[in-house]
Amino acid sequence: MKKKILGFLFSLLILGMLPGCIQQEKTLIPESSVHLELNLTYQDKALKVSQAYKIYTRDNVDQKIEEYGTGFGGVLVYHGINEVGGESYYAFDAACPHCGRRDITLQVDSAHIYAVCPNCEEKYDLLYGIGNPTLGISKVGLKRYNVTQLGSILTIRN
């Protein structure tokens, strides 16, 4: 009986050490200021459609950059599905966390389900707001930003 208990404890010890042994990729996206306020009634009304998206960058944002930030590679705002089957808005940095380059912007596929890196070709799941990689090239998901909705105003912050 003691041998079984010792064997079990040894197994737990070994399993507890494994995560430290497995190399996990870290995101190459540095911390960057994000603060956007989007109006779903006027200029951002196209986002009201399910699976709609828009990428906000320093070049196309209507707000003052001094007061509002657009992340490292821009902010990809996506109208997806939540865990109970309803609709939710999600926001991610628009730079690939595997490549970590500001000059390469993720592109949304024609079915509006994945964000795809044009450089490494990794696909990231958008539909359920998870942002996980699907091909296995990257070991880290998209950098996600907080989205709050008050009426027709979306506020995105980090």
N, C-alpha and C. Protein backbone atom coordinates (compact mmCIF):
# COMPACT_ATOMS: atom_id res chain seq x y z
N MET A 1 0.83 -1.20 0.00
CA MET A 1 0.00 0.00 0.00
C MET A 1 0.87 1.26 0.00
N LYS A 2 1.94 1.23 0.81
CA LYS A 2 2.83 2.40 0.87
C LYS A 2 3.49 2.63 -0.48
N LYS A 3 3.84 1.53 -1.18
CA LYS A 3 4.47 1.66 -2.49
C LYS A 3 3.53 2.33 -3.49
N LYS A 4 2.24 1.99 -3.42
CA LYS A 4 1.26 2.60 -4.32
C LYS A 4 1.13 4.09 -4.04
N ILE A 5 1.08 4.44 -2.75
CA ILE A 5 0.95 5.85 -2.38
C ILE A 5 2.20 6.61 -2.80
N LEU A 6 3.39 6.03 -2.53
CA LEU A 6 4.63 6.69 -2.94
C LEU A 6 4.70 6.82 -4.45
N GLY A 7 4.29 5.78 -5.18
CA GLY A 7 4.27 5.84 -6.64
C GLY A 7 3.33 6.92 -7.15
N PHE A 8 2.16 7.04 -6.51
CA PHE A 8 1.19 8.06 -6.88
C PHE A 8 1.76 9.45 -6.62
N LEU A 9 2.36 9.66 -5.46
CA LEU A 9 2.95 10.96 -5.12
C LEU A 9 4.09 11.31 -6.07
N PHE A 10 4.90 10.30 -6.43
CA PHE A 10 5.98 10.53 -7.37
C PHE A 10 5.43 10.94 -8.74
N SER A 11 4.34 10.30 -9.17
CA SER A 11 3.70 10.65 -10.45
C SER A 11 3.20 12.08 -10.43
N LEU A 12 2.59 12.47 -9.31
CA LEU A 12 2.12 13.85 -9.20
C LEU A 12 3.27 14.85 -9.25
N LEU A 13 4.37 14.50 -8.61
CA LEU A 13 5.53 15.37 -8.61
C LEU A 13 6.07 15.54 -10.03
N ILE A 14 6.20 14.43 -10.75
CA ILE A 14 6.69 14.48 -12.13
C ILE A 14 5.74 15.29 -13.02
N LEU A 15 4.44 15.03 -12.90
CA LEU A 15 3.46 15.76 -13.71
C LEU A 15 3.47 17.24 -13.37
N GLY A 16 3.67 17.57 -12.13
CA GLY A 16 3.73 18.98 -11.72
C GLY A 16 4.93 19.69 -12.29
N MET A 17 6.00 18.95 -12.58
CA MET A 17 7.20 19.56 -13.13
C MET A 17 7.14 19.71 -14.63
N LEU A 18 6.29 18.94 -15.31
CA LEU A 18 6.24 18.96 -16.77
C LEU A 18 5.94 20.33 -17.37
N PRO A 19 4.94 21.08 -16.86
CA PRO A 19 4.68 22.37 -17.49
C PRO A 19 5.89 23.29 -17.51
N GLY A 20 6.75 23.18 -16.53
CA GLY A 20 7.95 23.99 -16.51
C GLY A 20 8.96 23.54 -17.54
N CYS A 21 8.90 22.27 -17.93
CA CYS A 21 9.83 21.73 -18.91
C CYS A 21 9.40 22.01 -20.34
N ILE A 22 8.12 22.14 -20.55
CA ILE A 22 7.60 22.37 -21.90
C ILE A 22 7.80 23.85 -22.23
N GLN A 23 8.44 24.12 -23.33
CA GLN A 23 8.65 25.51 -23.72
C GLN A 23 7.37 26.07 -24.33
N GLN A 24 6.93 27.16 -23.78
CA GLN A 24 5.76 27.82 -24.33
C GLN A 24 6.20 29.14 -24.94
N GLU A 25 5.68 29.41 -26.12
CA GLU A 25 6.00 30.64 -26.81
C GLU A 25 5.34 31.81 -26.10
N LYS A 26 6.05 32.91 -25.99
CA LYS A 26 5.48 34.12 -25.42
C LYS A 26 5.09 35.05 -26.56
N THR A 27 4.08 35.86 -26.30
CA THR A 27 3.66 36.81 -27.32
C THR A 27 4.78 37.82 -27.58
N LEU A 28 4.93 38.20 -28.80
CA LEU A 28 5.91 39.21 -29.18
C LEU A 28 5.27 40.59 -29.26
N ILE A 29 4.01 40.68 -28.83
CA ILE A 29 3.29 41.95 -28.87
C ILE A 29 3.57 42.71 -27.57
N PRO A 30 4.23 43.86 -27.64
CA PRO A 30 4.49 44.62 -26.42
C PRO A 30 3.22 45.32 -25.91
N GLU A 31 3.23 45.69 -24.66
CA GLU A 31 2.11 46.46 -24.11
C GLU A 31 2.02 47.80 -24.84
N SER A 32 0.84 48.12 -25.29
CA SER A 32 0.59 49.37 -26.00
C SER A 32 -0.77 49.89 -25.58
N SER A 33 -0.91 51.18 -25.53
CA SER A 33 -2.16 51.80 -25.10
C SER A 33 -3.30 51.52 -26.07
N VAL A 34 -4.45 51.15 -25.50
CA VAL A 34 -5.65 50.94 -26.30
C VAL A 34 -6.80 51.64 -25.61
N HIS A 35 -7.45 52.53 -26.33
CA HIS A 35 -8.66 53.19 -25.85
C HIS A 35 -9.41 53.71 -27.07
N LEU A 36 -10.45 53.00 -27.42
CA LEU A 36 -11.29 53.40 -28.55
C LEU A 36 -12.73 53.48 -28.08
N GLU A 37 -13.45 54.45 -28.59
CA GLU A 37 -14.89 54.54 -28.37
C GLU A 37 -15.56 54.52 -29.74
N LEU A 38 -16.36 53.48 -29.96
CA LEU A 38 -17.01 53.28 -31.25
C LEU A 38 -18.50 53.48 -31.11
N ASN A 39 -19.11 54.12 -32.11
CA ASN A 39 -20.53 54.39 -32.09
C ASN A 39 -21.23 53.51 -33.12
N LEU A 40 -22.00 52.55 -32.63
CA LEU A 40 -22.67 51.60 -33.52
C LEU A 40 -23.89 52.18 -34.23
N THR A 41 -24.23 53.41 -33.91
CA THR A 41 -25.35 54.07 -34.58
C THR A 41 -24.88 54.83 -35.81
N TYR A 42 -23.67 55.35 -35.76
CA TYR A 42 -23.19 56.20 -36.85
C TYR A 42 -22.02 55.58 -37.60
N GLN A 43 -20.80 56.08 -37.35
CA GLN A 43 -19.64 55.71 -38.18
C GLN A 43 -19.24 54.24 -38.09
N ASP A 44 -19.62 53.55 -37.02
CA ASP A 44 -19.24 52.14 -36.87
C ASP A 44 -20.43 51.19 -36.97
N LYS A 45 -21.51 51.63 -37.61
CA LYS A 45 -22.74 50.83 -37.68
C LYS A 45 -22.56 49.53 -38.45
N ALA A 46 -21.57 49.43 -39.33
CA ALA A 46 -21.33 48.19 -40.08
C ALA A 46 -20.99 47.03 -39.14
N LEU A 47 -20.52 47.33 -37.94
CA LEU A 47 -20.17 46.28 -36.97
C LEU A 47 -21.39 45.61 -36.36
N LYS A 48 -22.58 46.15 -36.58
CA LYS A 48 -23.79 45.58 -35.99
C LYS A 48 -24.17 44.23 -36.60
N VAL A 49 -23.66 43.92 -37.78
CA VAL A 49 -23.96 42.67 -38.45
C VAL A 49 -23.08 41.57 -37.85
N SER A 50 -23.66 40.40 -37.59
CA SER A 50 -22.90 39.27 -37.05
C SER A 50 -21.75 38.91 -37.98
N GLN A 51 -20.60 38.66 -37.41
CA GLN A 51 -19.35 38.33 -38.09
C GLN A 51 -18.74 39.51 -38.83
N ALA A 52 -19.21 40.71 -38.55
CA ALA A 52 -18.60 41.90 -39.12
C ALA A 52 -17.32 42.20 -38.35
N TYR A 53 -16.41 42.90 -38.99
CA TYR A 53 -15.15 43.27 -38.34
C TYR A 53 -14.63 44.56 -38.94
N LYS A 54 -13.74 45.18 -38.20
CA LYS A 54 -13.02 46.34 -38.71
C LYS A 54 -11.70 46.41 -37.96
N ILE A 55 -10.66 46.80 -38.68
CA ILE A 55 -9.35 46.98 -38.05
C ILE A 55 -9.08 48.48 -37.95
N TYR A 56 -8.88 48.93 -36.73
CA TYR A 56 -8.61 50.35 -36.44
C TYR A 56 -7.11 50.53 -36.24
N THR A 57 -6.54 51.44 -37.02
CA THR A 57 -5.12 51.73 -36.92
C THR A 57 -4.93 53.22 -36.70
N ARG A 58 -3.71 53.62 -36.49
CA ARG A 58 -3.40 55.05 -36.32
C ARG A 58 -3.85 55.85 -37.54
N ASP A 59 -3.84 55.22 -38.71
CA ASP A 59 -4.16 55.93 -39.96
C ASP A 59 -5.65 56.10 -40.21
N ASN A 60 -6.50 55.21 -39.64
CA ASN A 60 -7.92 55.31 -39.98
C ASN A 60 -8.83 55.61 -38.79
N VAL A 61 -8.27 55.84 -37.62
CA VAL A 61 -9.11 56.11 -36.47
C VAL A 61 -9.54 57.59 -36.49
N ASP A 62 -10.78 57.83 -36.13
CA ASP A 62 -11.32 59.18 -36.17
C ASP A 62 -11.01 59.99 -34.92
N GLN A 63 -10.41 59.35 -33.93
CA GLN A 63 -10.18 60.01 -32.64
C GLN A 63 -8.74 60.47 -32.53
N LYS A 64 -8.50 61.41 -31.62
CA LYS A 64 -7.16 61.94 -31.42
C LYS A 64 -6.25 60.86 -30.84
N ILE A 65 -5.11 60.65 -31.49
CA ILE A 65 -4.17 59.61 -31.05
C ILE A 65 -3.61 59.92 -29.67
N GLU A 66 -3.48 61.20 -29.32
CA GLU A 66 -2.94 61.55 -28.01
C GLU A 66 -3.84 61.03 -26.89
N GLU A 67 -5.14 61.02 -27.12
CA GLU A 67 -6.09 60.59 -26.11
C GLU A 67 -6.47 59.12 -26.25
N TYR A 68 -6.36 58.58 -27.44
CA TYR A 68 -6.81 57.23 -27.72
C TYR A 68 -5.67 56.43 -28.32
N GLY A 69 -5.57 55.17 -27.93
CA GLY A 69 -4.52 54.31 -28.47
C GLY A 69 -5.11 53.21 -29.33
N THR A 70 -4.32 52.76 -30.28
CA THR A 70 -4.77 51.70 -31.17
C THR A 70 -3.88 50.46 -31.07
N GLY A 71 -3.30 50.23 -29.89
CA GLY A 71 -2.51 49.03 -29.68
C GLY A 71 -1.20 49.03 -30.43
N PHE A 72 -0.61 47.86 -30.54
CA PHE A 72 0.68 47.72 -31.21
C PHE A 72 0.52 47.70 -32.74
N GLY A 73 -0.33 46.82 -33.24
CA GLY A 73 -0.51 46.70 -34.68
C GLY A 73 -1.88 47.12 -35.17
N GLY A 74 -2.63 47.83 -34.32
CA GLY A 74 -4.00 48.18 -34.63
C GLY A 74 -4.92 47.33 -33.78
N VAL A 75 -6.21 47.61 -33.83
CA VAL A 75 -7.19 46.86 -33.06
C VAL A 75 -8.21 46.26 -34.02
N LEU A 76 -8.32 44.94 -33.97
CA LEU A 76 -9.30 44.21 -34.77
C LEU A 76 -10.54 44.03 -33.91
N VAL A 77 -11.64 44.67 -34.29
CA VAL A 77 -12.91 44.55 -33.57
C VAL A 77 -13.78 43.58 -34.36
N TYR A 78 -14.35 42.60 -33.66
CA TYR A 78 -15.09 41.52 -34.31
C TYR A 78 -16.42 41.29 -33.60
N HIS A 79 -17.48 41.12 -34.37
CA HIS A 79 -18.82 40.84 -33.84
C HIS A 79 -19.04 39.33 -33.96
N GLY A 80 -18.85 38.63 -32.85
CA GLY A 80 -18.91 37.17 -32.88
C GLY A 80 -19.99 36.59 -31.99
N ILE A 81 -19.79 35.34 -31.61
CA ILE A 81 -20.75 34.58 -30.82
C ILE A 81 -20.17 34.33 -29.43
N ASN A 82 -21.01 34.48 -28.39
CA ASN A 82 -20.53 34.22 -27.03
C ASN A 82 -20.81 32.79 -26.62
N GLU A 83 -20.45 32.45 -25.39
CA GLU A 83 -20.53 31.06 -24.91
C GLU A 83 -21.95 30.51 -24.79
N VAL A 84 -22.97 31.37 -24.78
CA VAL A 84 -24.36 30.90 -24.68
C VAL A 84 -25.11 31.05 -26.01
N GLY A 85 -24.37 31.32 -27.08
CA GLY A 85 -24.97 31.40 -28.40
C GLY A 85 -25.48 32.78 -28.79
N GLY A 86 -25.32 33.76 -27.90
CA GLY A 86 -25.69 35.13 -28.23
C GLY A 86 -24.56 35.82 -28.98
N GLU A 87 -24.74 37.10 -29.22
CA GLU A 87 -23.73 37.86 -29.94
C GLU A 87 -22.94 38.73 -28.98
N SER A 88 -21.65 38.88 -29.26
CA SER A 88 -20.75 39.70 -28.45
C SER A 88 -19.72 40.36 -29.35
N TYR A 89 -19.15 41.42 -28.84
CA TYR A 89 -18.06 42.10 -29.54
C TYR A 89 -16.74 41.72 -28.86
N TYR A 90 -15.72 41.50 -29.69
CA TYR A 90 -14.40 41.14 -29.21
C TYR A 90 -13.38 42.07 -29.87
N ALA A 91 -12.27 42.27 -29.19
CA ALA A 91 -11.21 43.11 -29.75
C ALA A 91 -9.86 42.45 -29.49
N PHE A 92 -9.03 42.47 -30.52
CA PHE A 92 -7.70 41.86 -30.46
C PHE A 92 -6.69 42.82 -31.09
N ASP A 93 -5.42 42.65 -30.71
CA ASP A 93 -4.39 43.39 -31.43
C ASP A 93 -4.33 42.81 -32.83
N ALA A 94 -4.15 43.66 -33.82
CA ALA A 94 -4.15 43.23 -35.22
C ALA A 94 -2.79 42.75 -35.70
N ALA A 95 -1.82 42.67 -34.79
CA ALA A 95 -0.51 42.12 -35.14
C ALA A 95 -0.47 40.64 -34.74
N CYS A 96 0.19 39.84 -35.53
CA CYS A 96 0.33 38.41 -35.25
C CYS A 96 1.23 38.23 -34.02
N PRO A 97 0.77 37.52 -32.99
CA PRO A 97 1.59 37.34 -31.79
C PRO A 97 2.80 36.44 -32.03
N HIS A 98 2.79 35.68 -33.11
CA HIS A 98 3.92 34.82 -33.45
C HIS A 98 5.02 35.63 -34.14
N CYS A 99 4.65 36.49 -35.07
CA CYS A 99 5.62 37.30 -35.82
C CYS A 99 6.02 38.55 -35.04
N GLY A 100 5.05 39.16 -34.36
CA GLY A 100 5.33 40.34 -33.54
C GLY A 100 5.82 41.54 -34.30
N ARG A 101 5.27 41.76 -35.47
CA ARG A 101 5.68 42.91 -36.29
C ARG A 101 4.52 43.87 -36.50
N ARG A 102 4.78 45.13 -36.23
CA ARG A 102 3.76 46.18 -36.38
C ARG A 102 3.39 46.39 -37.84
N ASP A 103 4.31 46.10 -38.76
CA ASP A 103 4.07 46.37 -40.18
C ASP A 103 3.33 45.24 -40.89
N ILE A 104 2.98 44.17 -40.18
CA ILE A 104 2.21 43.08 -40.78
C ILE A 104 0.88 42.99 -40.04
N THR A 105 -0.20 43.30 -40.74
CA THR A 105 -1.53 43.31 -40.14
C THR A 105 -2.28 42.04 -40.49
N LEU A 106 -2.90 41.44 -39.48
CA LEU A 106 -3.72 40.25 -39.72
C LEU A 106 -4.82 40.59 -40.71
N GLN A 107 -5.24 39.59 -41.48
CA GLN A 107 -6.32 39.75 -42.43
C GLN A 107 -7.42 38.76 -42.06
N VAL A 108 -8.66 39.16 -42.19
CA VAL A 108 -9.78 38.26 -41.90
C VAL A 108 -10.13 37.50 -43.17
N ASP A 109 -10.33 36.18 -43.04
CA ASP A 109 -10.62 35.35 -44.20
C ASP A 109 -12.00 35.68 -44.78
N SER A 110 -12.28 35.14 -45.96
CA SER A 110 -13.52 35.48 -46.68
C SER A 110 -14.78 35.00 -45.95
N ALA A 111 -14.66 33.97 -45.11
CA ALA A 111 -15.82 33.48 -44.35
C ALA A 111 -16.01 34.25 -43.04
N HIS A 112 -15.09 35.15 -42.74
CA HIS A 112 -15.13 35.97 -41.52
C HIS A 112 -15.11 35.13 -40.25
N ILE A 113 -14.30 34.06 -40.26
CA ILE A 113 -14.17 33.18 -39.10
C ILE A 113 -12.77 33.22 -38.52
N TYR A 114 -11.77 33.46 -39.35
CA TYR A 114 -10.37 33.44 -38.90
C TYR A 114 -9.66 34.74 -39.24
N ALA A 115 -8.72 35.09 -38.37
CA ALA A 115 -7.74 36.12 -38.70
C ALA A 115 -6.50 35.37 -39.16
N VAL A 116 -5.94 35.78 -40.28
CA VAL A 116 -4.82 35.05 -40.88
C VAL A 116 -3.63 35.99 -40.99
N CYS A 117 -2.46 35.49 -40.60
CA CYS A 117 -1.23 36.27 -40.74
C CYS A 117 -0.71 36.09 -42.16
N PRO A 118 -0.52 37.18 -42.91
CA PRO A 118 -0.02 37.05 -44.28
C PRO A 118 1.46 36.66 -44.33
N ASN A 119 2.15 36.73 -43.19
CA ASN A 119 3.57 36.38 -43.15
C ASN A 119 3.79 34.90 -42.81
N CYS A 120 3.30 34.45 -41.66
CA CYS A 120 3.53 33.06 -41.23
C CYS A 120 2.36 32.14 -41.58
N GLU A 121 1.25 32.72 -42.03
CA GLU A 121 0.03 32.01 -42.45
C GLU A 121 -0.72 31.33 -41.31
N GLU A 122 -0.39 31.64 -40.06
CA GLU A 122 -1.14 31.11 -38.93
C GLU A 122 -2.56 31.65 -38.99
N LYS A 123 -3.52 30.81 -38.61
CA LYS A 123 -4.94 31.20 -38.54
C LYS A 123 -5.32 31.27 -37.07
N TYR A 124 -6.08 32.31 -36.71
CA TYR A 124 -6.56 32.49 -35.35
C TYR A 124 -8.09 32.52 -35.37
N ASP A 125 -8.71 31.74 -34.50
CA ASP A 125 -10.16 31.64 -34.42
C ASP A 125 -10.77 32.94 -33.89
N LEU A 126 -11.69 33.52 -34.64
CA LEU A 126 -12.37 34.75 -34.23
C LEU A 126 -13.81 34.51 -33.79
N LEU A 127 -14.49 33.55 -34.38
CA LEU A 127 -15.93 33.39 -34.26
C LEU A 127 -16.43 33.44 -32.82
N TYR A 128 -15.76 32.75 -31.91
CA TYR A 128 -16.19 32.70 -30.52
C TYR A 128 -15.36 33.62 -29.62
N GLY A 129 -14.58 34.50 -30.22
CA GLY A 129 -13.83 35.48 -29.45
C GLY A 129 -12.64 34.93 -28.69
N ILE A 130 -12.18 33.75 -29.08
CA ILE A 130 -11.09 33.12 -28.35
C ILE A 130 -9.73 33.59 -28.86
N GLY A 131 -9.55 33.62 -30.16
CA GLY A 131 -8.29 34.08 -30.74
C GLY A 131 -7.18 33.06 -30.68
N ASN A 132 -7.51 31.78 -30.51
CA ASN A 132 -6.49 30.74 -30.45
C ASN A 132 -5.97 30.39 -31.83
N PRO A 133 -4.67 30.01 -31.91
CA PRO A 133 -4.12 29.58 -33.20
C PRO A 133 -4.69 28.23 -33.58
N THR A 134 -4.80 27.97 -34.89
CA THR A 134 -5.40 26.71 -35.35
C THR A 134 -4.44 25.81 -36.11
N LEU A 135 -3.36 26.34 -36.64
CA LEU A 135 -2.45 25.53 -37.44
C LEU A 135 -1.30 24.92 -36.64
N GLY A 136 -1.02 25.45 -35.47
CA GLY A 136 0.05 24.90 -34.66
C GLY A 136 1.40 25.56 -34.86
N ILE A 137 1.48 26.56 -35.73
CA ILE A 137 2.74 27.30 -35.90
C ILE A 137 3.00 28.12 -34.64
N SER A 138 1.98 28.82 -34.21
CA SER A 138 2.07 29.67 -33.02
C SER A 138 1.58 28.88 -31.81
N LYS A 139 2.16 29.17 -30.68
CA LYS A 139 1.73 28.53 -29.43
C LYS A 139 1.00 29.53 -28.53
N VAL A 140 0.72 30.70 -29.05
CA VAL A 140 0.06 31.73 -28.25
C VAL A 140 -1.06 32.36 -29.08
N GLY A 141 -2.15 32.71 -28.39
CA GLY A 141 -3.29 33.31 -29.07
C GLY A 141 -3.15 34.80 -29.26
N LEU A 142 -4.14 35.37 -29.91
CA LEU A 142 -4.17 36.81 -30.14
C LEU A 142 -4.24 37.56 -28.82
N LYS A 143 -3.62 38.72 -28.79
CA LYS A 143 -3.69 39.60 -27.62
C LYS A 143 -5.09 40.21 -27.60
N ARG A 144 -5.81 39.98 -26.52
CA ARG A 144 -7.21 40.41 -26.44
C ARG A 144 -7.34 41.67 -25.59
N TYR A 145 -8.26 42.54 -25.99
CA TYR A 145 -8.55 43.77 -25.25
C TYR A 145 -9.98 43.72 -24.72
N ASN A 146 -10.22 44.46 -23.66
CA ASN A 146 -11.53 44.50 -23.01
C ASN A 146 -12.51 45.33 -23.84
N VAL A 147 -13.72 44.79 -23.98
CA VAL A 147 -14.79 45.50 -24.70
C VAL A 147 -15.98 45.62 -23.76
N THR A 148 -16.47 46.85 -23.60
CA THR A 148 -17.71 47.06 -22.85
C THR A 148 -18.68 47.78 -23.77
N GLN A 149 -19.96 47.46 -23.61
CA GLN A 149 -20.98 48.08 -24.44
C GLN A 149 -22.01 48.75 -23.54
N LEU A 150 -22.28 50.00 -23.81
CA LEU A 150 -23.32 50.76 -23.14
C LEU A 150 -24.20 51.34 -24.23
N GLY A 151 -25.34 50.72 -24.44
CA GLY A 151 -26.21 51.14 -25.55
C GLY A 151 -25.52 50.89 -26.87
N SER A 152 -25.36 51.93 -27.66
CA SER A 152 -24.72 51.79 -28.97
C SER A 152 -23.24 52.18 -28.96
N ILE A 153 -22.68 52.38 -27.78
CA ILE A 153 -21.27 52.77 -27.65
C ILE A 153 -20.44 51.58 -27.18
N LEU A 154 -19.42 51.23 -27.96
CA LEU A 154 -18.44 50.23 -27.56
C LEU A 154 -17.20 50.95 -27.08
N THR A 155 -16.71 50.56 -25.92
CA THR A 155 -15.45 51.09 -25.42
C THR A 155 -14.45 49.95 -25.36
N ILE A 156 -13.29 50.15 -25.97
CA ILE A 156 -12.26 49.13 -26.01
C ILE A 156 -11.03 49.68 -25.30
N ARG A 157 -10.56 48.91 -24.31
CA ARG A 157 -9.42 49.35 -23.50
C ARG A 157 -8.54 48.15 -23.12
N ASN A 158 -7.35 48.48 -22.69
CA ASN A 158 -6.51 47.44 -22.10
C ASN A 158 -6.25 47.76 -20.65
